[in-house]
């Protein structure tokens, strides 16, 4: 077992793609710490193009969940639990369906799905299409189901949540806390389902180890950067993240990479 781990670790760091993957993880960690979301919106499209959607999703769920748990515990008192729990319930129901999609759907189709998720959120937010009414249990459950499927399949749960929570009356601190708590809950369930379905192979585990520490350090810096930030800046950064990830994830640009 030790020889296998050493071999996998050496193979991951010797891969010519590793420096790019490391840079992507640092940028994603900074964004995750600052906004409470966004790491997958940057990491998954780019790592999917470098490696594959299963590698991107597998490393994302391991690194992001483990790294974000302390932050989620810290902001738990700031979250609106009556809003988070119905969303979490919908996510728990749909997450296994997303994992099945990751296992059986063609990689190129999954990458188009990633792009569609991201660009959908971008258009909705720029045009002002948001959910402004008081959340009901049924709507919250449905939003959670969409986020759960996205999380299970490609580790992108943010788009429906952004439309749902950024359009509400909560300030940036509450929205950030809601998203971080929800992602922690979905991440723990995702790890269990991915492990059960054999998605944590040697390449995924090795890559997760070597990018995990830089991701955590970057996430810590991002969290410090968030302190004192205005709601306007927070929302603008969210839009920039979505726009960037949507463009870079388009398979049309594969020939240019």
Protein backbone atom coordinates (compact mmCIF):
# COMPACT_ATOMS: atom_id res chain seq x y z
CA UNK A 1 0.00 0.00 0.00
CA UNK A 2 2.83 2.40 0.88
CA UNK A 3 4.55 1.74 -2.43
CA UNK A 4 1.28 2.40 -4.25
CA UNK A 5 0.79 5.74 -2.47
CA UNK A 6 4.38 6.84 -3.13
CA UNK A 7 4.10 5.82 -6.78
CA UNK A 8 0.79 7.65 -7.21
CA UNK A 9 2.17 10.75 -5.50
CA UNK A 10 5.30 10.77 -7.66
CA UNK A 11 3.23 10.25 -10.79
CA UNK A 12 0.91 13.15 -9.95
CA UNK A 13 3.71 15.66 -9.32
CA UNK A 14 5.80 14.51 -12.30
CA UNK A 15 2.86 14.95 -14.69
CA UNK A 16 3.37 17.96 -16.98
CA UNK A 17 -0.16 19.07 -16.14
CA UNK A 18 0.54 19.33 -12.41
CA UNK A 19 1.89 22.94 -12.27
CA UNK A 20 -1.24 24.15 -14.06
CA UNK A 21 -3.46 22.13 -11.73
CA UNK A 22 -1.64 23.61 -8.73
CA UNK A 23 -2.16 27.17 -9.98
CA UNK A 24 -5.85 26.47 -10.62
CA UNK A 25 -6.29 25.09 -7.09
CA UNK A 26 -4.70 28.18 -5.53
CA UNK A 27 -6.94 30.55 -7.47
CA UNK A 28 -9.99 28.42 -6.64
CA UNK A 29 -9.04 28.39 -2.94
CA UNK A 30 -8.74 32.18 -2.83
CA UNK A 31 -12.17 32.57 -4.39
CA UNK A 32 -13.73 29.93 -2.13
CA UNK A 33 -12.47 31.62 1.01
CA UNK A 34 -13.61 35.06 -0.12
CA UNK A 35 -17.07 34.34 -1.49
CA UNK A 36 -18.01 31.07 0.25
CA UNK A 37 -18.47 29.42 -3.15
CA UNK A 38 -16.85 29.57 -6.58
CA UNK A 39 -14.02 27.10 -6.22
CA UNK A 40 -15.82 24.51 -8.33
CA UNK A 41 -16.84 27.14 -10.89
CA UNK A 42 -13.16 27.74 -11.59
CA UNK A 43 -11.57 24.41 -10.71
CA UNK A 44 -13.92 21.89 -12.30
CA UNK A 45 -14.07 23.28 -15.86
CA UNK A 46 -10.29 23.70 -16.07
CA UNK A 47 -9.33 20.40 -14.42
CA UNK A 48 -11.93 18.61 -16.55
CA UNK A 49 -10.16 19.97 -19.63
CA UNK A 50 -6.73 19.02 -18.26
CA UNK A 51 -7.66 15.56 -16.93
CA UNK A 52 -11.32 14.45 -17.03
CA UNK A 53 -14.64 15.27 -15.29
CA UNK A 54 -14.32 12.32 -12.85
CA UNK A 55 -10.84 13.45 -11.78
CA UNK A 56 -12.02 17.05 -11.44
CA UNK A 57 -15.13 16.11 -9.45
CA UNK A 58 -13.32 13.57 -7.27
CA UNK A 59 -10.48 15.87 -6.27
CA UNK A 60 -12.85 18.80 -5.82
CA UNK A 61 -15.16 17.06 -3.40
CA UNK A 62 -12.26 15.75 -1.29
CA UNK A 63 -10.21 18.92 -1.11
CA UNK A 64 -13.02 21.43 -0.90
CA UNK A 65 -15.09 19.55 1.68
CA UNK A 66 -12.20 18.80 4.03
CA UNK A 67 -10.79 22.32 3.69
CA UNK A 68 -14.12 24.08 4.16
CA UNK A 69 -15.49 22.13 7.15
CA UNK A 70 -13.84 24.39 9.79
CA UNK A 71 -15.15 27.47 8.00
CA UNK A 72 -18.65 25.99 7.76
CA UNK A 73 -18.67 25.24 11.48
CA UNK A 74 -17.54 28.79 12.20
CA UNK A 75 -20.29 30.45 10.13
CA UNK A 76 -23.04 28.02 11.19
CA UNK A 77 -24.52 30.53 13.69
CA UNK A 78 -24.75 33.12 10.89
CA UNK A 79 -26.69 30.86 8.51
CA UNK A 80 -30.48 31.00 8.15
CA UNK A 81 -31.16 27.39 9.07
CA UNK A 82 -34.86 27.42 8.17
CA UNK A 83 -33.70 28.24 4.60
CA UNK A 84 -30.72 25.87 4.51
CA UNK A 85 -32.37 22.68 5.76
CA UNK A 86 -35.07 22.30 3.02
CA UNK A 87 -32.43 23.01 0.38
CA UNK A 88 -30.15 20.42 1.96
CA UNK A 89 -32.96 17.85 1.94
CA UNK A 90 -33.57 18.34 -1.79
CA UNK A 91 -29.86 18.08 -2.44
CA UNK A 92 -29.56 14.83 -0.52
CA UNK A 93 -32.29 13.27 -2.65
CA UNK A 94 -30.83 14.34 -6.02
CA UNK A 95 -27.13 13.93 -5.29
CA UNK A 96 -27.08 10.16 -6.00
CA UNK A 97 -28.64 10.84 -9.42
CA UNK A 98 -25.81 13.26 -10.15
CA UNK A 99 -23.22 10.66 -9.18
CA UNK A 100 -24.85 8.20 -11.58
CA UNK A 101 -24.55 10.80 -14.35
CA UNK A 102 -20.84 11.22 -13.60
CA UNK A 103 -20.36 7.47 -13.87
CA UNK A 104 -22.30 6.80 -17.06
CA UNK A 105 -22.55 10.02 -19.13
CA UNK A 106 -19.90 10.79 -21.76
CA UNK A 107 -17.18 13.23 -20.61
CA UNK A 108 -17.80 15.72 -23.43
CA UNK A 109 -21.51 15.85 -22.60
CA UNK A 110 -20.64 16.48 -18.97
CA UNK A 111 -18.39 19.36 -19.95
CA UNK A 112 -21.18 20.94 -21.99
CA UNK A 113 -23.40 20.46 -18.95
CA UNK A 114 -20.84 22.31 -16.84
CA UNK A 115 -20.80 25.21 -19.29
CA UNK A 116 -24.60 25.30 -19.43
CA UNK A 117 -24.90 25.43 -15.63
CA UNK A 118 -22.44 28.29 -15.34
CA UNK A 119 -23.79 30.34 -18.25
CA UNK A 120 -27.37 29.87 -17.06
CA UNK A 121 -26.50 31.49 -13.75
CA UNK A 122 -24.61 34.30 -15.47
CA UNK A 123 -27.53 35.22 -17.74
CA UNK A 124 -30.03 35.00 -14.91
CA UNK A 125 -28.01 37.23 -12.63
CA UNK A 126 -27.06 39.85 -15.23
CA UNK A 127 -30.65 40.20 -16.47
CA UNK A 128 -31.97 40.38 -12.93
CA UNK A 129 -33.87 37.09 -13.07
CA UNK A 130 -33.81 36.14 -9.43
CA UNK A 131 -36.10 34.72 -6.82
CA UNK A 132 -37.32 37.69 -4.78
CA UNK A 133 -40.19 36.14 -2.84
CA UNK A 134 -39.99 34.63 0.60
CA UNK A 135 -38.60 31.09 0.25
CA UNK A 136 -41.16 28.31 0.69
CA UNK A 137 -40.26 24.74 1.66
CA UNK A 138 -41.29 23.44 -1.80
CA UNK A 139 -39.21 26.00 -3.72
CA UNK A 140 -36.26 25.50 -1.38
CA UNK A 141 -36.47 21.74 -1.85
CA UNK A 142 -36.53 22.13 -5.64
CA UNK A 143 -33.52 24.46 -5.64
CA UNK A 144 -31.70 21.99 -3.41
CA UNK A 145 -32.48 19.15 -5.81
CA UNK A 146 -30.99 21.08 -8.74
CA UNK A 147 -27.93 21.95 -6.68
CA UNK A 148 -27.60 18.36 -5.49
CA UNK A 149 -27.65 16.97 -9.02
CA UNK A 150 -25.03 19.50 -10.10
CA UNK A 151 -22.91 18.68 -7.09
CA UNK A 152 -23.10 14.94 -7.57
CA UNK A 153 -22.38 15.02 -11.29
CA UNK A 154 -19.76 17.74 -11.69
CA UNK A 155 -19.39 19.33 -8.21
CA UNK A 156 -21.09 22.54 -9.39
CA UNK A 157 -24.02 23.34 -7.15
CA UNK A 158 -23.74 27.13 -7.06
CA UNK A 159 -25.81 28.35 -10.07
CA UNK A 160 -29.33 27.62 -8.73
CA UNK A 161 -28.26 28.72 -5.27
CA UNK A 162 -26.96 32.03 -6.59
CA UNK A 163 -30.24 32.78 -8.36
CA UNK A 164 -32.16 31.74 -5.26
CA UNK A 165 -30.16 33.39 -2.46
CA UNK A 166 -28.48 36.38 -4.15
CA UNK A 167 -31.91 37.64 -5.16
CA UNK A 168 -33.19 37.64 -1.60
CA UNK A 169 -33.01 40.15 1.22
CA UNK A 170 -30.11 38.52 3.05
CA UNK A 171 -26.82 40.39 3.18
CA UNK A 172 -23.55 39.01 1.84
CA UNK A 173 -22.53 37.53 5.21
CA UNK A 174 -25.74 35.49 5.52
CA UNK A 175 -25.70 34.33 1.89
CA UNK A 176 -22.07 33.27 2.25
CA UNK A 177 -22.84 31.39 5.49
CA UNK A 178 -25.87 29.62 3.95
CA UNK A 179 -23.84 28.46 0.95
CA UNK A 180 -20.84 27.31 3.01
CA UNK A 181 -23.00 25.27 5.40
CA UNK A 182 -24.94 23.70 2.55
CA UNK A 183 -21.77 22.82 0.64
CA UNK A 184 -20.31 21.17 3.73
CA UNK A 185 -23.38 18.97 4.12
CA UNK A 186 -23.46 18.06 0.43
CA UNK A 187 -19.71 17.48 0.40
CA UNK A 188 -19.82 14.92 3.19
CA UNK A 189 -22.60 13.01 1.45
CA UNK A 190 -20.75 13.33 -1.86
CA UNK A 191 -17.57 11.82 -0.42
CA UNK A 192 -19.52 8.82 0.86
CA UNK A 193 -21.25 8.26 -2.50
CA UNK A 194 -18.06 8.76 -4.54
CA UNK A 195 -16.19 6.29 -2.32
CA UNK A 196 -18.98 3.74 -2.60
CA UNK A 197 -18.88 3.98 -6.41
CA UNK A 198 -15.09 3.67 -6.64
CA UNK A 199 -14.38 7.20 -7.87
CA UNK A 200 -11.40 7.73 -5.57
CA UNK A 201 -8.65 5.99 -7.53
CA UNK A 202 -4.91 6.48 -7.08
CA UNK A 203 -4.71 9.48 -9.41
CA UNK A 204 -7.56 11.29 -7.65
CA UNK A 205 -6.19 10.62 -4.15
CA UNK A 206 -2.62 11.63 -5.09
CA UNK A 207 -3.70 14.83 -6.84
CA UNK A 208 -5.96 15.70 -3.91
CA UNK A 209 -3.04 15.37 -1.50
CA UNK A 210 -0.61 17.52 -3.44
CA UNK A 211 -3.05 20.36 -4.13
CA UNK A 212 -4.87 20.18 -0.79
CA UNK A 213 -2.45 22.20 1.36
CA UNK A 214 -2.05 25.06 -1.17
CA UNK A 215 -5.83 25.16 -1.54
CA UNK A 216 -6.33 25.46 2.23
CA UNK A 217 -3.73 28.21 2.56
CA UNK A 218 -5.30 30.13 -0.32
CA UNK A 219 -8.76 29.65 1.17
CA UNK A 220 -7.57 31.07 4.49
CA UNK A 221 -6.21 34.16 2.74
CA UNK A 222 -9.47 34.55 0.84
CA UNK A 223 -11.49 34.37 4.06
CA UNK A 224 -9.40 37.17 5.58
CA UNK A 225 -9.89 39.24 2.45
CA UNK A 226 -13.68 38.94 2.86
CA UNK A 227 -13.71 40.86 6.16
CA UNK A 228 -15.11 44.34 5.67
CA UNK A 229 -16.15 43.75 2.07
CA UNK A 230 -19.32 45.50 0.90
CA UNK A 231 -22.35 43.65 -0.46
CA UNK A 232 -21.90 45.35 -3.84
CA UNK A 233 -18.31 44.16 -4.24
CA UNK A 234 -19.28 40.67 -3.08
CA UNK A 235 -21.98 40.35 -5.73
CA UNK A 236 -19.79 41.79 -8.48
CA UNK A 237 -17.07 39.28 -7.70
CA UNK A 238 -19.67 36.50 -7.85
CA UNK A 239 -20.68 37.60 -11.36
CA UNK A 240 -17.06 37.78 -12.53
CA UNK A 241 -16.44 34.24 -11.27
CA UNK A 242 -19.43 32.92 -13.18
CA UNK A 243 -18.48 34.72 -16.40
CA UNK A 244 -14.88 33.53 -16.28
CA UNK A 245 -15.72 29.92 -15.55
CA UNK A 246 -18.42 29.80 -18.21
CA UNK A 247 -16.06 30.98 -20.92
CA UNK A 248 -13.08 28.81 -20.04
CA UNK A 249 -15.21 25.68 -19.72
CA UNK A 250 -16.55 25.74 -23.28
CA UNK A 251 -15.29 22.66 -25.17
CA UNK A 252 -15.19 24.84 -28.31
CA UNK A 253 -11.87 26.23 -27.05
CA UNK A 254 -10.17 22.86 -26.52
CA UNK A 255 -7.99 23.33 -29.60
CA UNK A 256 -6.56 26.54 -28.11
CA UNK A 257 -5.47 24.97 -24.81
